[in-house]
Amino acid sequence: MRMLSRILNKTYYLLTGSNVKELQKSNENNIGVMKALETLSPELKTTELSEICGSISEESDCQELRDLFAHYGSDKSTKHDYYLVYAFLLKAKRGLPLKILEIGLGTNNIHIPSNMGKEGKPGASLRAFRDWGTKFLVYGADVDKDILFSEERITTYFVDQTKTESLQELASHFSPDSLDLIIDDGLHTPWANLNTLNLALNLVKPGGYVVIEDILDRYLSTWKVAIPLIPGNCMFLRCKSATVLLVQKI
């Protein structure tokens, strides 16, 4: 067993130039640092979605958005209740020419992380926003180049959320402070989320919002450390099946 371990470690070193033991030490150090920072960070507070949305689900604007998400095959109003968040944020501005960017189109390629399964409907939520806000300009981005498309008032781009240069390329299509809402529904990891948030806070208008969907409980400790570093008004919303981070740019 030891001989096999040595062979594998040697092979890994020859392929990557990295020493396995050094990587293990580095990983242990990073875990220790995160635990220490988590202890030092303020308590992470979450708010129930019903506390801010109230009875909005009974309003016709909200019901129409819910039905459009469902019609196009988005899980924002079926598996999740995120439609309440977007109705709350946008209903008063529904008739304005808002600009919305959503990262993560809902790929149905099962070999891509955070996919929607074979029955997924790429672009579903973009079309719902487009139809609900008849003056909205809607943009999307995804790592799956095969699902990019262009339609009336919808334009999509390629992006890899794990690569800074790819996010910068996406940002080059927009002016700073030009978007009203940016949604991260892509690769649901803190690494990708924080990369995207760094991009989004440069592109969204003062007073505009960034929404990060599908934050799993196992990642909340990382967000506990990150939140004090984020410029803007932050709120964690406890929704039906996951937590959402709402950031308003100041």
C-alpha atoms as a PDB file:
ATOM      1  CA  MET A   1       0.000   0.000   0.000  1.00  0.00           C
ATOM      2  CA  ARG A   2       2.838   2.379   0.878  1.00  0.00           C
ATOM      3  CA  MET A   3       4.591   1.502  -2.365  1.00  0.00           C
ATOM      4  CA  LEU A   4       1.417   2.264  -4.350  1.00  0.00           C
ATOM      5  CA  SER A   5       1.036   5.567  -2.507  1.00  0.00           C
ATOM      6  CA  ARG A   6       4.632   6.531  -3.326  1.00  0.00           C
ATOM      7  CA  ILE A   7       4.140   5.637  -6.978  1.00  0.00           C
ATOM      8  CA  LEU A   8       0.953   7.691  -7.195  1.00  0.00           C
ATOM      9  CA  ASN A   9       2.573  10.649  -5.432  1.00  0.00           C
ATOM     10  CA  LYS A  10       5.583  10.472  -7.747  1.00  0.00           C
ATOM     11  CA  THR A  11       3.344  10.236 -10.804  1.00  0.00           C
ATOM     12  CA  TYR A  12       1.319  13.252  -9.633  1.00  0.00           C
ATOM     13  CA  TYR A  13       4.535  15.228  -9.124  1.00  0.00           C
ATOM     14  CA  LEU A  14       5.800  14.345 -12.613  1.00  0.00           C
ATOM     15  CA  LEU A  15       2.466  15.345 -14.185  1.00  0.00           C
ATOM     16  CA  THR A  16       1.849  18.553 -12.255  1.00  0.00           C
ATOM     17  CA  GLY A  17       5.107  19.591 -10.647  1.00  0.00           C
ATOM     18  CA  SER A  18       3.344  19.729  -7.273  1.00  0.00           C
ATOM     19  CA  ASN A  19       4.237  17.801  -4.157  1.00  0.00           C
ATOM     20  CA  VAL A  20       1.241  15.996  -2.648  1.00  0.00           C
ATOM     21  CA  LYS A  21       2.407  16.465   0.955  1.00  0.00           C
ATOM     22  CA  GLU A  22       2.908  20.183   0.421  1.00  0.00           C
ATOM     23  CA  LEU A  23      -0.564  20.432  -1.088  1.00  0.00           C
ATOM     24  CA  GLN A  24      -2.003  18.659   1.948  1.00  0.00           C
ATOM     25  CA  LYS A  25      -0.232  21.073   4.299  1.00  0.00           C
ATOM     26  CA  SER A  26      -1.469  24.037   2.292  1.00  0.00           C
ATOM     27  CA  ASN A  27      -5.028  22.707   2.334  1.00  0.00           C
ATOM     28  CA  GLU A  28      -4.901  22.128   6.092  1.00  0.00           C
ATOM     29  CA  ASN A  29      -3.617  25.672   6.581  1.00  0.00           C
ATOM     30  CA  ASN A  30      -6.414  27.133   4.428  1.00  0.00           C
ATOM     31  CA  ILE A  31      -9.037  25.188   6.362  1.00  0.00           C
ATOM     32  CA  GLY A  32      -7.554  26.419   9.641  1.00  0.00           C
ATOM     33  CA  VAL A  33      -7.512  30.014   8.465  1.00  0.00           C
ATOM     34  CA  MET A  34     -11.177  29.802   7.390  1.00  0.00           C
ATOM     35  CA  LYS A  35     -12.201  28.354  10.745  1.00  0.00           C
ATOM     36  CA  ALA A  36     -10.359  31.113  12.598  1.00  0.00           C
ATOM     37  CA  LEU A  37     -11.890  33.822  10.418  1.00  0.00           C
ATOM     38  CA  GLU A  38     -15.330  32.311  10.889  1.00  0.00           C
ATOM     39  CA  THR A  39     -14.885  32.561  14.660  1.00  0.00           C
ATOM     40  CA  LEU A  40     -13.851  36.209  14.380  1.00  0.00           C
ATOM     41  CA  SER A  41     -16.621  37.194  11.947  1.00  0.00           C
ATOM     42  CA  PRO A  42     -19.959  38.670  13.071  1.00  0.00           C
ATOM     43  CA  GLU A  43     -22.981  36.416  13.360  1.00  0.00           C
ATOM     44  CA  LEU A  44     -24.594  35.631  10.032  1.00  0.00           C
ATOM     45  CA  LYS A  45     -28.241  36.675  10.073  1.00  0.00           C
ATOM     46  CA  THR A  46     -30.900  35.346   7.749  1.00  0.00           C
ATOM     47  CA  THR A  47     -34.356  36.757   7.069  1.00  0.00           C
ATOM     48  CA  GLU A  48     -37.401  34.712   6.135  1.00  0.00           C
ATOM     49  CA  LEU A  49     -38.585  35.597   2.631  1.00  0.00           C
ATOM     50  CA  SER A  50     -42.117  36.166   3.931  1.00  0.00           C
ATOM     51  CA  GLU A  51     -40.860  38.980   6.176  1.00  0.00           C
ATOM     52  CA  ILE A  52     -40.018  41.219   3.231  1.00  0.00           C
ATOM     53  CA  CYS A  53     -42.449  39.946   0.604  1.00  0.00           C
ATOM     54  CA  GLY A  54     -45.563  39.801   2.784  1.00  0.00           C
ATOM     55  CA  SER A  55     -48.670  39.103   0.732  1.00  0.00           C
ATOM     56  CA  ILE A  56     -47.044  39.918  -2.616  1.00  0.00           C
ATOM     57  CA  SER A  57     -47.904  36.422  -3.882  1.00  0.00           C
ATOM     58  CA  GLU A  58     -51.542  37.514  -4.062  1.00  0.00           C
ATOM     59  CA  GLU A  59     -50.786  40.408  -6.429  1.00  0.00           C
ATOM     60  CA  SER A  60     -51.434  40.004 -10.147  1.00  0.00           C
ATOM     61  CA  ASP A  61     -47.949  41.220 -11.170  1.00  0.00           C
ATOM     62  CA  CYS A  62     -46.373  38.527  -9.028  1.00  0.00           C
ATOM     63  CA  GLN A  63     -48.711  35.797 -10.247  1.00  0.00           C
ATOM     64  CA  GLU A  64     -48.009  36.719 -13.860  1.00  0.00           C
ATOM     65  CA  LEU A  65     -44.254  36.450 -13.309  1.00  0.00           C
ATOM     66  CA  ARG A  66     -44.752  33.122 -11.519  1.00  0.00           C
ATOM     67  CA  ASP A  67     -46.758  31.765 -14.437  1.00  0.00           C
ATOM     68  CA  LEU A  68     -44.218  32.949 -17.020  1.00  0.00           C
ATOM     69  CA  PHE A  69     -41.377  31.197 -15.219  1.00  0.00           C
ATOM     70  CA  ALA A  70     -43.432  28.012 -15.125  1.00  0.00           C
ATOM     71  CA  HIS A  71     -44.516  28.388 -18.769  1.00  0.00           C
ATOM     72  CA  TYR A  72     -40.946  28.576 -20.039  1.00  0.00           C
ATOM     73  CA  GLY A  73     -39.659  25.829 -17.744  1.00  0.00           C
ATOM     74  CA  SER A  74     -37.754  27.803 -15.110  1.00  0.00           C
ATOM     75  CA  ASP A  75     -37.633  26.365 -11.598  1.00  0.00           C
ATOM     76  CA  LYS A  76     -37.777  29.863 -10.085  1.00  0.00           C
ATOM     77  CA  SER A  77     -41.511  29.391  -9.426  1.00  0.00           C
ATOM     78  CA  THR A  78     -41.748  25.604  -9.085  1.00  0.00           C
ATOM     79  CA  LYS A  79     -38.889  24.072  -7.123  1.00  0.00           C
ATOM     80  CA  HIS A  80     -38.017  27.504  -5.741  1.00  0.00           C
ATOM     81  CA  ASP A  81     -40.029  30.574  -4.763  1.00  0.00           C
ATOM     82  CA  TYR A  82     -37.518  33.086  -6.139  1.00  0.00           C
ATOM     83  CA  TYR A  83     -40.209  34.685  -8.280  1.00  0.00           C
ATOM     84  CA  LEU A  84     -41.360  36.418  -5.087  1.00  0.00           C
ATOM     85  CA  VAL A  85     -37.944  38.058  -4.737  1.00  0.00           C
ATOM     86  CA  TYR A  86     -37.972  39.358  -8.299  1.00  0.00           C
ATOM     87  CA  ALA A  87     -41.570  40.545  -8.164  1.00  0.00           C
ATOM     88  CA  PHE A  88     -40.731  42.416  -4.955  1.00  0.00           C
ATOM     89  CA  LEU A  89     -37.654  44.071  -6.493  1.00  0.00           C
ATOM     90  CA  LEU A  90     -39.084  44.886  -9.924  1.00  0.00           C
ATOM     91  CA  LYS A  91     -42.858  45.341  -9.777  1.00  0.00           C
ATOM     92  CA  ALA A  92     -42.699  49.122  -9.270  1.00  0.00           C
ATOM     93  CA  LYS A  93     -40.344  49.415 -12.278  1.00  0.00           C
ATOM     94  CA  ARG A  94     -42.015  46.881 -14.516  1.00  0.00           C
ATOM     95  CA  GLY A  95     -42.823  49.451 -17.211  1.00  0.00           C
ATOM     96  CA  LEU A  96     -39.279  50.868 -17.389  1.00  0.00           C
ATOM     97  CA  PRO A  97     -36.473  49.845 -19.793  1.00  0.00           C
ATOM     98  CA  LEU A  98     -34.525  47.969 -17.119  1.00  0.00           C
ATOM     99  CA  LYS A  99     -31.371  46.024 -17.974  1.00  0.00           C
ATOM    100  CA  ILE A 100     -31.073  42.562 -16.416  1.00  0.00           C
ATOM    101  CA  LEU A 101     -28.137  40.152 -16.629  1.00  0.00           C
ATOM    102  CA  GLU A 102     -28.449  36.544 -15.500  1.00  0.00           C
ATOM    103  CA  ILE A 103     -25.415  34.283 -15.307  1.00  0.00           C
ATOM    104  CA  GLY A 104     -26.433  30.664 -15.730  1.00  0.00           C
ATOM    105  CA  LEU A 105     -28.938  29.908 -18.485  1.00  0.00           C
ATOM    106  CA  GLY A 106     -29.941  26.467 -17.242  1.00  0.00           C
ATOM    107  CA  THR A 107     -27.872  24.088 -19.347  1.00  0.00           C
ATOM    108  CA  ASN A 108     -29.306  20.637 -20.050  1.00  0.00           C
ATOM    109  CA  ASN A 109     -25.856  19.163 -20.625  1.00  0.00           C
ATOM    110  CA  ILE A 110     -25.554  16.694 -17.752  1.00  0.00           C
ATOM    111  CA  HIS A 111     -21.743  16.728 -17.998  1.00  0.00           C
ATOM    112  CA  ILE A 112     -21.578  20.382 -16.941  1.00  0.00           C
ATOM    113  CA  PRO A 113     -21.719  21.196 -13.200  1.00  0.00           C
ATOM    114  CA  SER A 114     -24.929  22.801 -11.869  1.00  0.00           C
ATOM    115  CA  ASN A 115     -26.887  21.590 -14.897  1.00  0.00           C
ATOM    116  CA  MET A 116     -30.691  21.411 -14.997  1.00  0.00           C
ATOM    117  CA  GLY A 117     -30.795  17.805 -16.157  1.00  0.00           C
ATOM    118  CA  LYS A 118     -31.692  16.495 -19.617  1.00  0.00           C
ATOM    119  CA  GLU A 119     -35.149  18.076 -19.406  1.00  0.00           C
ATOM    120  CA  GLY A 120     -33.792  21.540 -18.598  1.00  0.00           C
ATOM    121  CA  LYS A 121     -34.968  24.489 -20.680  1.00  0.00           C
ATOM    122  CA  PRO A 122     -32.006  26.806 -21.334  1.00  0.00           C
ATOM    123  CA  GLY A 123     -32.949  30.483 -21.347  1.00  0.00           C
ATOM    124  CA  ALA A 124     -36.284  29.934 -19.607  1.00  0.00           C
ATOM    125  CA  SER A 125     -35.965  32.694 -17.025  1.00  0.00           C
ATOM    126  CA  LEU A 126     -34.574  35.165 -19.585  1.00  0.00           C
ATOM    127  CA  ARG A 127     -37.694  34.739 -21.676  1.00  0.00           C
ATOM    128  CA  ALA A 128     -39.925  35.092 -18.636  1.00  0.00           C
ATOM    129  CA  PHE A 129     -38.293  38.384 -17.636  1.00  0.00           C
ATOM    130  CA  ARG A 130     -38.483  39.605 -21.262  1.00  0.00           C
ATOM    131  CA  ASP A 131     -42.200  38.901 -21.524  1.00  0.00           C
ATOM    132  CA  TRP A 132     -43.050  40.246 -18.064  1.00  0.00           C
ATOM    133  CA  GLY A 133     -41.232  43.545 -18.545  1.00  0.00           C
ATOM    134  CA  THR A 134     -42.168  44.602 -22.057  1.00  0.00           C
ATOM    135  CA  LYS A 135     -39.355  47.198 -22.144  1.00  0.00           C
ATOM    136  CA  PHE A 136     -36.728  45.121 -20.357  1.00  0.00           C
ATOM    137  CA  LEU A 137     -33.415  44.393 -22.077  1.00  0.00           C
ATOM    138  CA  VAL A 138     -32.307  40.966 -20.911  1.00  0.00           C
ATOM    139  CA  TYR A 139     -28.800  39.526 -21.063  1.00  0.00           C
ATOM    140  CA  GLY A 140     -27.515  36.087 -20.164  1.00  0.00           C
ATOM    141  CA  ALA A 141     -24.201  34.280 -19.877  1.00  0.00           C
ATOM    142  CA  ASP A 142     -23.197  30.651 -19.528  1.00  0.00           C
ATOM    143  CA  VAL A 143     -20.206  28.324 -19.726  1.00  0.00           C
ATOM    144  CA  ASP A 144     -22.091  26.069 -22.159  1.00  0.00           C
ATOM    145  CA  LYS A 145     -21.553  27.643 -25.577  1.00  0.00           C
ATOM    146  CA  ASP A 146     -24.088  25.318 -27.171  1.00  0.00           C
ATOM    147  CA  ILE A 147     -27.040  26.989 -25.448  1.00  0.00           C
ATOM    148  CA  LEU A 148     -26.202  30.627 -26.198  1.00  0.00           C
ATOM    149  CA  PHE A 149     -28.862  32.367 -28.280  1.00  0.00           C
ATOM    150  CA  SER A 150     -30.249  35.703 -29.379  1.00  0.00           C
ATOM    151  CA  GLU A 151     -33.906  36.727 -29.527  1.00  0.00           C
ATOM    152  CA  GLU A 152     -35.958  39.877 -29.329  1.00  0.00           C
ATOM    153  CA  ARG A 153     -34.537  41.895 -26.390  1.00  0.00           C
ATOM    154  CA  ILE A 154     -32.343  38.958 -25.311  1.00  0.00           C
ATOM    155  CA  THR A 155     -28.589  38.671 -25.880  1.00  0.00           C
ATOM    156  CA  THR A 156     -26.323  35.994 -24.393  1.00  0.00           C
ATOM    157  CA  TYR A 157     -22.573  35.590 -23.970  1.00  0.00           C
ATOM    158  CA  PHE A 158     -20.035  32.973 -22.908  1.00  0.00           C
ATOM    159  CA  VAL A 159     -18.548  33.138 -19.417  1.00  0.00           C
ATOM    160  CA  ASP A 160     -16.526  30.865 -17.154  1.00  0.00           C
ATOM    161  CA  GLN A 161     -17.091  32.067 -13.590  1.00  0.00           C
ATOM    162  CA  THR A 162     -13.903  30.416 -12.365  1.00  0.00           C
ATOM    163  CA  LYS A 163     -11.710  32.513 -14.656  1.00  0.00           C
ATOM    164  CA  THR A 164     -11.168  36.220 -13.995  1.00  0.00           C
ATOM    165  CA  GLU A 165     -10.251  36.925 -17.610  1.00  0.00           C
ATOM    166  CA  SER A 166     -13.527  35.372 -18.812  1.00  0.00           C
ATOM    167  CA  LEU A 167     -15.547  37.518 -16.410  1.00  0.00           C
ATOM    168  CA  GLN A 168     -13.634  40.583 -17.587  1.00  0.00           C
ATOM    169  CA  GLU A 169     -14.497  39.710 -21.188  1.00  0.00           C
ATOM    170  CA  LEU A 170     -18.168  39.498 -20.216  1.00  0.00           C
ATOM    171  CA  ALA A 171     -17.912  42.851 -18.429  1.00  0.00           C
ATOM    172  CA  SER A 172     -16.492  44.472 -21.580  1.00  0.00           C
ATOM    173  CA  HIS A 173     -19.948  44.213 -23.193  1.00  0.00           C
ATOM    174  CA  PHE A 174     -21.413  46.616 -20.621  1.00  0.00           C
ATOM    175  CA  SER A 175     -20.664  50.047 -19.236  1.00  0.00           C
ATOM    176  CA  PRO A 176     -19.947  50.436 -15.525  1.00  0.00           C
ATOM    177  CA  ASP A 177     -23.053  51.224 -13.439  1.00  0.00           C
ATOM    178  CA  SER A 178     -25.344  50.329 -16.355  1.00  0.00           C
ATOM    179  CA  LEU A 179     -27.367  47.306 -15.167  1.00  0.00           C
ATOM    180  CA  ASP A 180     -30.361  47.327 -12.845  1.00  0.00           C
ATOM    181  CA  LEU A 181     -30.256  43.703 -11.726  1.00  0.00           C
ATOM    182  CA  ILE A 182     -27.645  40.948 -11.955  1.00  0.00           C
ATOM    183  CA  ILE A 183     -28.521  37.362 -11.048  1.00  0.00           C
ATOM    184  CA  ASP A 184     -26.018  34.605 -10.350  1.00  0.00           C
ATOM    185  CA  ASP A 185     -27.692  31.274 -11.071  1.00  0.00           C
ATOM    186  CA  GLY A 186     -24.596  29.627 -12.505  1.00  0.00           C
ATOM    187  CA  LEU A 187     -21.971  27.498 -10.763  1.00  0.00           C
ATOM    188  CA  HIS A 188     -23.225  27.358  -7.193  1.00  0.00           C
ATOM    189  CA  THR A 189     -19.953  27.545  -5.262  1.00  0.00           C
ATOM    190  CA  PRO A 190     -18.553  30.414  -3.129  1.00  0.00           C
ATOM    191  CA  TRP A 191     -15.547  30.692  -5.459  1.00  0.00           C
ATOM    192  CA  ALA A 192     -17.706  31.297  -8.522  1.00  0.00           C
ATOM    193  CA  ASN A 193     -20.197  33.431  -6.582  1.00  0.00           C
ATOM    194  CA  LEU A 194     -17.534  35.765  -5.196  1.00  0.00           C
ATOM    195  CA  ASN A 195     -15.827  36.097  -8.580  1.00  0.00           C
ATOM    196  CA  THR A 196     -19.181  37.038 -10.083  1.00  0.00           C
ATOM    197  CA  LEU A 197     -20.068  39.410  -7.262  1.00  0.00           C
ATOM    198  CA  ASN A 198     -16.805  41.274  -7.815  1.00  0.00           C
ATOM    199  CA  LEU A 199     -17.800  41.738 -11.459  1.00  0.00           C
ATOM    200  CA  ALA A 200     -21.424  42.533 -10.691  1.00  0.00           C
ATOM    201  CA  LEU A 201     -20.756  45.329  -8.208  1.00  0.00           C
ATOM    202  CA  ASN A 202     -18.882  47.215 -10.937  1.00  0.00           C
ATOM    203  CA  LEU A 203     -21.663  46.802 -13.491  1.00  0.00           C
ATOM    204  CA  VAL A 204     -24.832  47.318 -11.455  1.00  0.00           C
ATOM    205  CA  LYS A 205     -26.191  50.827 -10.895  1.00  0.00           C
ATOM    206  CA  PRO A 206     -26.102  52.462  -7.462  1.00  0.00           C
ATOM    207  CA  GLY A 207     -29.355  51.348  -5.857  1.00  0.00           C
ATOM    208  CA  GLY A 208     -29.470  48.304  -8.121  1.00  0.00           C
ATOM    209  CA  TYR A 209     -29.337  44.717  -6.938  1.00  0.00           C
ATOM    210  CA  VAL A 210     -27.231  41.598  -7.226  1.00  0.00           C
ATOM    211  CA  VAL A 211     -28.976  38.322  -6.369  1.00  0.00           C
ATOM    212  CA  ILE A 212     -27.035  35.119  -5.739  1.00  0.00           C
ATOM    213  CA  GLU A 213     -29.335  32.107  -5.831  1.00  0.00           C
ATOM    214  CA  ASP A 214     -29.067  28.611  -4.384  1.00  0.00           C
ATOM    215  CA  ILE A 215     -26.629  29.153  -1.512  1.00  0.00           C
ATOM    216  CA  LEU A 216     -26.453  25.815   0.256  1.00  0.00           C
ATOM    217  CA  ASP A 217     -26.186  25.560   4.039  1.00  0.00           C
ATOM    218  CA  ARG A 218     -22.737  23.980   3.825  1.00  0.00           C
ATOM    219  CA  TYR A 219     -21.383  27.197   2.288  1.00  0.00           C
ATOM    220  CA  LEU A 220     -22.839  29.621   4.839  1.00  0.00           C
ATOM    221  CA  SER A 221     -19.670  29.509   6.962  1.00  0.00           C
ATOM    222  CA  THR A 222     -17.698  30.856   3.996  1.00  0.00           C
ATOM    223  CA  TRP A 223     -20.233  33.635   3.495  1.00  0.00           C
ATOM    224  CA  LYS A 224     -20.005  34.480   7.198  1.00  0.00           C
ATOM    225  CA  VAL A 225     -16.380  35.420   6.536  1.00  0.00           C
ATOM    226  CA  ALA A 226     -17.066  37.169   3.213  1.00  0.00           C
ATOM    227  CA  ILE A 227     -20.038  39.370   4.111  1.00  0.00           C
ATOM    228  CA  PRO A 228     -18.109  42.028   6.114  1.00  0.00           C
ATOM    229  CA  LEU A 229     -15.894  42.560   3.041  1.00  0.00           C
ATOM    230  CA  ILE A 230     -18.732  43.175   0.578  1.00  0.00           C
ATOM    231  CA  PRO A 231     -19.539  46.844  -0.122  1.00  0.00           C
ATOM    232  CA  GLY A 232     -23.295  47.244  -0.167  1.00  0.00           C
ATOM    233  CA  ASN A 233     -26.380  46.373   1.827  1.00  0.00           C
ATOM    234  CA  CYS A 234     -26.472  42.594   2.200  1.00  0.00           C
ATOM    235  CA  MET A 235     -29.396  40.401   3.216  1.00  0.00           C
ATOM    236  CA  PHE A 236     -29.664  36.632   3.339  1.00  0.00           C
ATOM    237  CA  LEU A 237     -33.165  35.476   2.495  1.00  0.00           C
ATOM    238  CA  ARG A 238     -34.295  32.045   3.612  1.00  0.00           C
ATOM    239  CA  CYS A 239     -36.420  30.759   0.751  1.00  0.00           C
ATOM    240  CA  LYS A 240     -38.354  27.543   0.210  1.00  0.00           C
ATOM    241  CA  SER A 241     -35.447  25.305  -0.718  1.00  0.00           C
ATOM    242  CA  ALA A 242     -32.237  27.337  -0.367  1.00  0.00           C
ATOM    243  CA  THR A 243     -30.820  30.660   0.767  1.00  0.00           C
ATOM    244  CA  VAL A 244     -30.498  33.717  -1.481  1.00  0.00           C
ATOM    245  CA  LEU A 245     -28.059  36.592  -1.018  1.00  0.00           C
ATOM    246  CA  LEU A 246     -29.468  39.993  -1.901  1.00  0.00           C
ATOM    247  CA  VAL A 247     -26.928  42.808  -2.299  1.00  0.00           C
ATOM    248  CA  GLN A 248     -27.978  46.377  -2.976  1.00  0.00           C
ATOM    249  CA  LYS A 249     -25.216  48.591  -4.325  1.00  0.00           C
ATOM    250  CA  ILE A 250     -24.721  51.832  -2.417  1.00  0.00           C
END
